[in-house]
Protein backbone atom coordinates (compact mmCIF):
# COMPACT_ATOMS: atom_id res chain seq x y z
CA MET A 1 12.72 -41.02 -101.93
CA VAL A 2 12.07 -44.32 -100.04
CA ARG A 3 9.09 -44.07 -97.50
CA THR A 4 8.93 -46.32 -94.67
CA THR A 5 5.91 -48.37 -93.68
CA ALA A 6 5.08 -46.26 -90.64
CA GLN A 7 5.02 -42.98 -92.83
CA ILE A 8 2.59 -44.71 -95.17
CA ASP A 9 0.45 -45.53 -92.31
CA THR A 10 0.51 -42.17 -90.85
CA GLU A 11 -0.49 -40.52 -94.15
CA VAL A 12 -3.47 -42.91 -94.62
CA ALA A 13 -4.61 -42.38 -91.07
CA THR A 14 -4.39 -38.78 -91.16
CA PRO A 15 -7.28 -37.99 -93.61
CA ALA A 16 -9.63 -40.24 -91.70
CA GLN A 17 -8.68 -38.67 -88.47
CA ALA A 18 -9.23 -35.29 -89.97
CA LEU A 19 -12.67 -36.11 -91.09
CA GLN A 20 -13.76 -37.09 -87.49
CA PRO A 21 -13.94 -33.59 -86.04
CA HIS A 22 -16.08 -32.41 -88.95
CA ALA A 23 -18.41 -35.53 -88.51
CA ALA A 24 -18.60 -34.70 -84.78
CA ALA A 25 -19.43 -31.10 -85.59
CA GLY A 26 -22.16 -32.08 -87.86
CA LYS A 27 -24.20 -33.84 -85.27
CA PRO A 28 -25.35 -30.73 -83.35
CA ASP A 29 -26.20 -29.08 -86.85
CA GLU A 30 -28.66 -31.78 -87.54
CA ALA A 31 -30.36 -31.69 -84.14
CA ALA A 32 -30.77 -27.82 -84.25
CA PRO A 33 -33.19 -27.72 -87.14
CA ARG A 34 -35.48 -30.16 -85.63
CA ALA A 35 -36.22 -27.87 -82.58
CA GLU A 36 -36.97 -24.71 -84.76
CA PRO A 37 -40.23 -26.06 -86.46
CA ALA A 38 -41.75 -26.76 -83.08
CA ALA A 39 -41.61 -23.17 -82.15
CA LYS A 40 -42.71 -21.95 -85.81
CA ARG A 41 -45.80 -24.27 -85.54
CA ALA A 42 -46.96 -22.54 -82.35
CA ASN A 43 -46.53 -18.98 -83.68
CA PRO A 44 -48.79 -19.19 -86.89
CA ALA A 45 -51.80 -20.60 -84.84
CA ARG A 46 -51.80 -17.44 -82.91
CA LYS A 47 -51.69 -15.23 -85.82
CA VAL A 48 -54.49 -17.10 -87.58
CA ALA A 49 -56.53 -16.78 -84.45
CA GLY A 50 -55.78 -13.03 -84.28
CA VAL A 51 -56.63 -12.53 -88.05
CA ILE A 52 -60.06 -14.52 -87.48
CA LEU A 53 -60.83 -12.25 -84.49
CA VAL A 54 -60.05 -9.13 -86.43
CA VAL A 55 -62.10 -10.37 -89.29
CA LEU A 56 -65.10 -11.10 -87.02
CA ILE A 57 -64.81 -7.80 -85.22
CA GLY A 58 -64.57 -5.94 -88.64
CA THR A 59 -67.49 -7.94 -90.16
CA LEU A 60 -69.61 -7.10 -87.12
CA GLY A 61 -68.65 -3.51 -87.29
CA TRP A 62 -69.33 -3.25 -91.01
CA HIS A 63 -72.64 -4.99 -90.56
CA VAL A 64 -73.74 -2.39 -88.05
CA ALA A 65 -72.40 0.61 -89.96
CA THR A 66 -74.16 -0.40 -93.03
CA ASP A 67 -77.37 -0.94 -91.18
CA LEU A 68 -77.15 2.56 -90.02
CA VAL A 69 -75.62 4.23 -92.84
CA ALA A 70 -76.65 2.37 -96.11
CA PRO A 71 -79.08 -0.33 -95.30
CA ALA A 72 -79.50 -2.80 -98.11
CA SER A 73 -81.61 -5.80 -98.88
CA SER A 74 -81.49 -8.40 -101.70
CA SER A 75 -85.04 -9.85 -101.09
CA GLY A 76 -86.87 -7.32 -103.11
CA SER A 77 -89.33 -7.74 -105.91
CA VAL A 78 -91.07 -5.77 -108.57
CA THR A 79 -94.70 -4.89 -107.86
CA ALA A 80 -97.39 -3.25 -109.86
CA LEU A 81 -101.04 -2.40 -109.57
CA THR A 82 -102.79 -5.54 -110.67
CA ALA A 83 -106.62 -5.87 -111.21
CA LEU A 84 -108.42 -9.21 -111.69
CA MET A 85 -110.69 -8.21 -114.55
CA ALA A 86 -114.21 -9.65 -114.18
CA PRO A 87 -117.43 -8.87 -116.01
CA ARG A 88 -120.04 -6.97 -114.00
CA VAL A 89 -122.75 -9.09 -115.49
CA SER A 90 -123.08 -12.86 -116.32
CA GLY A 91 -123.22 -14.08 -119.87
CA GLN A 92 -121.63 -16.08 -122.46
CA VAL A 93 -118.38 -14.92 -124.10
CA GLN A 94 -118.99 -14.10 -127.81
CA THR A 95 -115.64 -12.56 -128.71
CA VAL A 96 -112.09 -12.34 -127.19
CA LEU A 97 -110.46 -9.31 -128.58
CA VAL A 98 -107.00 -9.50 -127.10
CA GLN A 99 -104.14 -12.16 -126.71
CA ASP A 100 -102.20 -13.20 -123.63
CA ASN A 101 -99.55 -10.71 -122.50
CA GLN A 102 -100.68 -7.99 -125.10
CA PHE A 103 -100.14 -4.52 -124.22
CA VAL A 104 -103.40 -2.36 -124.54
CA VAL A 105 -104.25 1.08 -124.04
CA ARG A 106 -107.11 2.65 -121.80
CA GLY A 107 -110.63 1.86 -123.19
CA THR A 108 -109.57 -1.03 -125.44
CA PRO A 109 -112.35 -3.80 -125.46
CA LEU A 110 -110.77 -6.96 -124.09
CA PHE A 111 -113.79 -9.27 -124.61
CA GLU A 112 -117.43 -9.18 -125.22
CA LEU A 113 -120.44 -11.23 -123.97
CA ASP A 114 -123.45 -12.19 -126.09
CA PRO A 115 -125.57 -8.96 -126.22
CA ALA A 116 -128.83 -10.63 -127.15
CA PRO A 117 -130.05 -11.09 -123.59
CA PHE A 118 -129.24 -7.57 -122.54
CA ASP A 119 -130.89 -6.22 -125.75
CA LEU A 120 -134.09 -7.99 -124.85
CA ALA A 121 -134.02 -6.57 -121.33
CA VAL A 122 -133.61 -3.06 -122.65
CA ARG A 123 -136.65 -3.71 -124.94
CA GLN A 124 -138.66 -4.89 -122.12
CA ALA A 125 -137.75 -1.85 -119.85
CA GLU A 126 -138.59 0.48 -122.65
CA ALA A 127 -142.09 -1.27 -123.20
CA ASN A 128 -142.59 -1.06 -119.15
CA LEU A 129 -141.91 2.59 -119.32
CA ALA A 130 -144.19 3.12 -122.15
CA GLN A 131 -146.87 1.22 -120.47
CA VAL A 132 -146.60 3.17 -117.21
CA THR A 133 -146.57 6.54 -119.20
CA GLN A 134 -149.66 5.39 -121.00
CA THR A 135 -151.30 4.51 -117.63
CA LEU A 136 -150.15 7.92 -116.38
CA ASP A 137 -151.87 9.69 -119.42
CA ALA A 138 -155.14 7.66 -118.77
CA SER A 139 -154.90 8.93 -115.05
CA VAL A 140 -154.53 12.37 -116.20
CA ILE A 141 -157.65 12.29 -118.31
CA SER A 142 -159.43 10.61 -115.35
CA LEU A 143 -158.28 13.46 -113.18
CA VAL A 144 -160.12 15.96 -115.40
CA ALA A 145 -163.35 13.94 -115.23
CA THR A 146 -163.00 13.59 -111.45
CA GLU A 147 -162.38 17.42 -111.24
CA ALA A 148 -165.63 17.82 -113.16
CA LYS A 149 -167.49 15.60 -110.77
CA VAL A 150 -166.32 17.70 -107.85
CA GLU A 151 -167.77 20.86 -109.55
CA GLN A 152 -170.96 19.15 -110.23
CA ALA A 153 -171.12 18.12 -106.50
CA ARG A 154 -170.47 21.62 -105.40
CA ALA A 155 -173.24 22.69 -107.70
CA SER A 156 -175.67 20.09 -106.23
CA LEU A 157 -174.72 21.25 -102.67
CA ASP A 158 -175.35 24.73 -103.44
CA THR A 159 -178.92 23.80 -104.77
CA ALA A 160 -179.71 21.50 -101.86
CA ARG A 161 -178.65 24.17 -99.37
CA THR A 162 -180.89 26.90 -101.17
CA ALA A 163 -183.85 24.46 -101.18
CA ALA A 164 -183.24 23.59 -97.54
CA GLU A 165 -183.13 27.31 -96.43
CA ARG A 166 -186.40 27.90 -98.54
CA THR A 167 -188.21 25.11 -96.94
CA THR A 168 -187.03 26.02 -93.58
CA SER A 169 -188.56 29.51 -94.20
CA LEU A 170 -191.72 28.26 -95.50
CA HIS A 171 -192.02 25.81 -92.45
CA GLN A 172 -191.56 28.69 -90.02
CA ARG A 173 -194.51 30.49 -91.66
CA GLY A 174 -196.45 27.29 -91.69
CA LEU A 175 -196.51 27.02 -95.43
CA ALA A 176 -194.47 23.68 -95.57
CA SER A 177 -194.87 20.58 -93.69
CA GLN A 178 -192.35 18.94 -91.29
CA VAL A 179 -191.98 16.13 -93.80
CA GLN A 180 -190.97 18.58 -96.46
CA LEU A 181 -188.45 20.05 -94.27
CA ASP A 182 -187.00 16.83 -93.29
CA ALA A 183 -186.65 15.84 -96.96
CA ALA A 184 -184.95 19.02 -97.82
CA ASN A 185 -182.42 18.53 -94.87
CA ALA A 186 -181.68 15.04 -96.02
CA GLN A 187 -181.06 16.16 -99.46
CA LEU A 188 -178.66 18.76 -98.24
CA ALA A 189 -176.87 16.13 -96.21
CA SER A 190 -176.64 13.79 -99.16
CA ALA A 191 -175.21 16.67 -101.23
CA ARG A 192 -172.55 17.32 -98.84
CA SER A 193 -171.63 13.50 -98.70
CA GLY A 194 -171.54 13.63 -102.46
CA LEU A 195 -169.13 16.59 -102.45
CA ASP A 196 -166.93 14.82 -99.91
CA ALA A 197 -166.72 11.57 -101.96
CA ALA A 198 -165.82 13.55 -105.14
CA ILE A 199 -163.11 15.50 -103.45
CA ALA A 200 -161.69 12.18 -102.07
CA GLU A 201 -161.76 10.63 -105.54
CA LEU A 202 -160.11 13.81 -106.92
CA GLU A 203 -157.11 13.42 -104.47
CA SER A 204 -156.81 9.77 -105.51
CA ALA A 205 -156.75 10.61 -109.10
CA ARG A 206 -154.04 13.30 -108.47
CA LEU A 207 -151.99 10.88 -106.60
CA ARG A 208 -152.39 8.41 -109.56
CA ALA A 209 -151.45 11.07 -111.96
CA GLY A 210 -148.83 12.79 -109.96
CA GLY A 211 -146.96 14.21 -113.00
CA LYS A 212 -144.54 12.58 -115.30
CA GLU A 213 -141.58 14.02 -113.23
CA ALA A 214 -142.76 13.16 -109.82
CA ASN A 215 -144.75 9.88 -110.44
CA PRO A 216 -143.08 6.99 -108.56
CA GLN A 217 -144.18 4.48 -111.11
CA VAL A 218 -142.61 6.42 -113.89
CA GLU A 219 -139.36 6.90 -111.89
CA THR A 220 -139.24 3.08 -111.16
CA ALA A 221 -139.67 2.37 -114.82
CA ALA A 222 -137.12 4.87 -115.86
CA VAL A 223 -134.61 3.43 -113.38
CA GLN A 224 -135.17 -0.04 -114.67
CA LEU A 225 -134.70 1.15 -118.18
CA GLU A 226 -131.42 2.79 -117.19
CA GLN A 227 -130.20 -0.32 -115.36
CA ALA A 228 -130.87 -2.41 -118.48
CA ARG A 229 -129.03 -0.10 -120.71
CA LEU A 230 -126.05 -0.13 -118.15
CA ASN A 231 -126.00 -3.89 -118.16
CA ARG A 232 -125.86 -3.87 -121.88
CA SER A 233 -122.76 -1.66 -121.83
CA PHE A 234 -121.34 -4.05 -119.20
CA ALA A 235 -121.38 -6.67 -121.83
CA SER A 236 -118.21 -5.29 -123.26
CA VAL A 237 -115.20 -5.22 -120.90
CA LEU A 238 -112.79 -2.46 -121.39
CA ALA A 239 -109.18 -1.96 -120.14
CA PRO A 240 -109.18 0.38 -117.20
CA ALA A 241 -105.78 1.88 -118.12
CA ASP A 242 -102.61 1.40 -120.29
CA GLY A 243 -101.11 -1.90 -119.29
CA VAL A 244 -100.71 -5.64 -120.23
CA VAL A 245 -103.12 -8.44 -120.29
CA THR A 246 -101.86 -11.53 -118.72
CA ASN A 247 -103.22 -15.02 -117.53
CA LEU A 248 -105.88 -14.81 -120.09
CA LYS A 249 -108.20 -17.95 -119.93
CA LEU A 250 -111.11 -17.09 -121.95
CA ALA A 251 -112.51 -18.87 -125.03
CA GLN A 252 -115.45 -18.05 -127.17
CA GLY A 253 -118.80 -19.58 -125.95
CA GLN A 254 -117.43 -19.81 -122.19
CA ASP A 255 -119.96 -18.85 -119.69
CA VAL A 256 -118.68 -16.33 -117.05
CA ASN A 257 -120.41 -15.23 -113.89
CA ALA A 258 -120.56 -11.49 -112.60
CA GLY A 259 -117.59 -10.98 -110.44
CA THR A 260 -115.64 -14.05 -111.60
CA PRO A 261 -112.02 -13.15 -112.65
CA ALA A 262 -111.47 -13.84 -116.27
CA LEU A 263 -107.96 -12.44 -116.92
CA THR A 264 -105.43 -10.24 -115.03
CA PHE A 265 -104.51 -6.86 -116.00
CA ILE A 266 -101.29 -5.06 -114.92
CA GLU A 267 -100.91 -1.33 -115.21
CA ALA A 268 -97.96 -0.05 -117.11
CA ASP A 269 -97.39 3.19 -115.29
CA ASN A 270 -97.60 2.07 -111.67
CA SER A 271 -94.82 -0.11 -110.71
CA TRP A 272 -92.41 -0.08 -107.79
CA VAL A 273 -90.08 -2.29 -105.80
CA VAL A 274 -90.90 -3.64 -102.57
CA VAL A 275 -87.82 -4.77 -100.34
CA ASP A 276 -88.06 -6.46 -96.93
CA MET A 277 -85.61 -4.86 -94.39
CA ARG A 278 -85.00 -5.89 -90.79
CA GLU A 279 -86.36 -3.64 -88.07
CA ASN A 280 -82.98 -2.49 -87.12
CA GLN A 281 -82.26 -1.32 -90.51
CA LEU A 282 -85.14 1.23 -90.43
CA ALA A 283 -83.41 3.36 -87.76
CA ASN A 284 -82.51 6.06 -90.16
CA ILE A 285 -84.47 5.55 -93.10
CA ASP A 286 -87.00 8.32 -94.13
CA VAL A 287 -89.34 8.86 -96.82
CA GLY A 288 -87.54 10.66 -99.64
CA ASP A 289 -84.13 9.14 -99.08
CA ASP A 290 -82.11 8.31 -102.25
CA ALA A 291 -81.57 4.58 -103.06
CA ASP A 292 -80.17 2.46 -105.75
CA ILE A 293 -82.05 -0.39 -107.30
CA LEU A 294 -80.38 -3.40 -109.23
CA PHE A 295 -82.23 -6.04 -111.04
CA ASP A 296 -81.11 -9.53 -111.84
CA GLY A 297 -82.35 -8.92 -115.39
CA ALA A 298 -80.02 -5.97 -115.75
CA PRO A 299 -76.92 -6.99 -113.92
CA GLY A 300 -74.46 -4.39 -112.69
CA ARG A 301 -76.53 -1.37 -113.79
CA LYS A 302 -77.80 0.90 -111.03
CA TYR A 303 -81.19 2.65 -111.27
CA PRO A 304 -81.60 5.68 -109.07
CA GLY A 305 -84.55 5.57 -106.90
CA VAL A 306 -86.52 7.22 -104.02
CA VAL A 307 -88.11 5.80 -100.76
CA ARG A 308 -91.78 6.40 -100.97
CA GLY A 309 -93.13 4.70 -97.96
CA ILE A 310 -92.57 2.25 -95.15
CA ALA A 311 -95.14 -0.20 -94.30
CA TRP A 312 -97.01 0.57 -90.98
CA GLY A 313 -97.65 -2.97 -89.99
CA ILE A 314 -97.14 -6.75 -90.84
CA ASP A 315 -99.00 -9.82 -89.87
CA PRO A 316 -96.90 -11.36 -87.01
CA GLY A 317 -98.61 -14.88 -87.57
CA ARG A 318 -100.22 -15.14 -84.17
CA THR A 319 -103.28 -17.36 -84.21
CA ALA A 320 -106.22 -17.37 -81.88
CA ALA A 321 -108.65 -19.96 -80.58
CA ASN A 322 -111.74 -19.60 -78.62
CA GLY A 323 -111.45 -15.90 -78.71
CA LEU A 324 -108.01 -16.10 -77.03
CA PRO A 325 -104.55 -15.83 -78.58
CA GLN A 326 -102.54 -19.00 -78.72
CA ASN A 327 -99.15 -19.66 -77.22
CA GLN A 328 -96.31 -19.63 -79.63
CA ALA A 329 -93.73 -22.35 -78.59
CA MET A 330 -90.18 -21.17 -79.08
CA ALA A 331 -87.77 -23.90 -80.44
CA ARG A 332 -84.97 -21.66 -81.29
CA TRP A 333 -82.15 -19.93 -79.27
CA PHE A 334 -82.67 -16.59 -81.00
CA GLU A 335 -85.90 -15.52 -82.65
CA PRO A 336 -85.38 -14.56 -86.31
CA ALA A 337 -85.56 -10.81 -87.07
CA ARG A 338 -88.80 -9.57 -88.50
CA THR A 339 -88.82 -7.70 -91.72
CA ILE A 340 -90.76 -4.58 -92.74
CA PRO A 341 -91.77 -3.94 -96.45
CA VAL A 342 -90.10 -0.65 -97.82
CA HIS A 343 -91.60 1.03 -100.94
CA VAL A 344 -89.04 2.20 -103.40
CA GLU A 345 -89.78 3.66 -106.71
CA LEU A 346 -87.51 4.67 -109.59
CA ALA A 347 -86.52 8.24 -110.00
CA PRO A 348 -88.74 10.21 -112.29
CA ASP A 349 -86.29 10.39 -115.12
CA GLN A 350 -85.59 6.68 -115.07
CA THR A 351 -87.20 4.02 -117.16
CA TRP A 352 -87.72 0.32 -116.40
CA PRO A 353 -85.68 -2.33 -117.95
CA ASP A 354 -87.37 -4.11 -120.80
CA ASN A 355 -86.79 -7.55 -119.35
CA VAL A 356 -87.91 -6.73 -115.94
CA ARG A 357 -91.39 -8.18 -115.11
CA VAL A 358 -93.75 -8.00 -112.14
CA GLY A 359 -92.27 -10.18 -109.61
CA SER A 360 -88.70 -10.02 -110.80
CA LYS A 361 -86.09 -10.08 -108.06
CA ALA A 362 -84.44 -6.79 -107.10
CA SER A 363 -81.94 -5.38 -104.70
CA ALA A 364 -82.06 -2.06 -103.06
CA LEU A 365 -79.61 0.05 -101.16
CA VAL A 366 -80.80 3.15 -99.26
CA TYR A 367 -78.52 6.06 -98.60
CA ALA A 368 -79.83 6.87 -95.09
CA GLN A 369 -76.92 9.37 -94.54
CA GLY A 370 -76.34 10.51 -98.16
CA ARG A 371 -74.41 9.14 -100.98
CA SER A 372 -71.13 10.58 -100.03
CA HIS A 373 -70.59 8.84 -96.86
CA PRO A 374 -67.56 6.55 -97.06
CA VAL A 375 -69.61 3.68 -95.73
CA ALA A 376 -72.26 4.36 -98.43
CA VAL A 377 -69.57 4.41 -101.20
CA ALA A 378 -68.17 1.13 -100.22
CA ALA A 379 -71.66 -0.57 -99.81
CA SER A 380 -72.63 0.62 -103.26
CA ALA A 381 -69.42 -0.91 -104.79
CA LEU A 382 -70.17 -4.25 -102.88
CA GLN A 383 -73.82 -4.11 -104.01
CA THR A 384 -72.63 -3.85 -107.69
CA LEU A 385 -70.30 -6.79 -107.20
CA SER A 386 -73.17 -8.78 -105.68
CA ALA A 387 -75.57 -8.05 -108.54
CA TYR A 388 -72.99 -9.74 -110.99
CA PHE A 389 -72.69 -12.84 -108.64
CA SER A 390 -76.43 -13.12 -108.45
CA TYR A 391 -76.83 -12.97 -112.22
CA LEU A 392 -74.31 -15.84 -112.40
CA TYR A 393 -76.59 -18.26 -110.56
């Protein structure tokens, strides 16, 4: 079949013309997607803002709920009864009987001072007591002699009185002169004075003698001897309880003064945890509430505890000058919350972790409304998770 030139041109042009409507239809399709992202970009911003608002409100609500139901604090530390051991007398260290960080039992000698000066003091006090006792014995003997003088003076007075009465009778009958009468009266007066002097000397002798149990000189000497023996016992410093010796800075031959700390002693049976809690966390906390304690040294493990006390006061840091409180300039928009120490102890059936020391960091969660409260359960889980994170850094 022979095709003409016009037919060929028509067949060639027809596919091109057929493509034009599709191309024109494609232009609106390309413009439409460009408008849709603009609308989509506006919607996510609102959603993000809503999510952030919800999170903030939820966080604030959770914060308030936990403060009232299950207050917690991670700023706790292990505390124990600590004593700065110092000798009660001055002296030179003769022997150090313990090592640093050694566990000792009650009554264990920690260190000893040179006993020679204290032994000499004891001997001197013993000699002083013996001297006073000897003097007292001599006073007792002198007392006996003085009592004899009093008896002799009484006898002399009786004799002088009899002679004066006889001379007075003779003088009344004219058989004795006035001179004889005056001599007899003078002798009587002298006998009376002699008796008074003997009695006074007897009282003085009795005061000097006094008796071994009531004599003040003997009591003074006995007290001095007791003090010397007590100082001798103080030359050996003993452990006041079961505990650990730490911060030992003693060497043989070192001179130490009375009352100057020589080492630190930490009791083993009196340890607890002190956590600082904000004032608004104390609203529902009472003594006896259950608590959970976590230590960085034992991550993830909870130790049941009990609230034993809440501090009655803290130092706010206010200073004074010239007898008046000073003004505290405020450079912050909001004053930071003050914290109150809370005393928490382990439950009686719990034992302390081996690697926890005095001053170790601890966290505590107090169940102010009981352990079964939903907020308390969630707070307990978060506390465990926080303990693991704390252990990592």
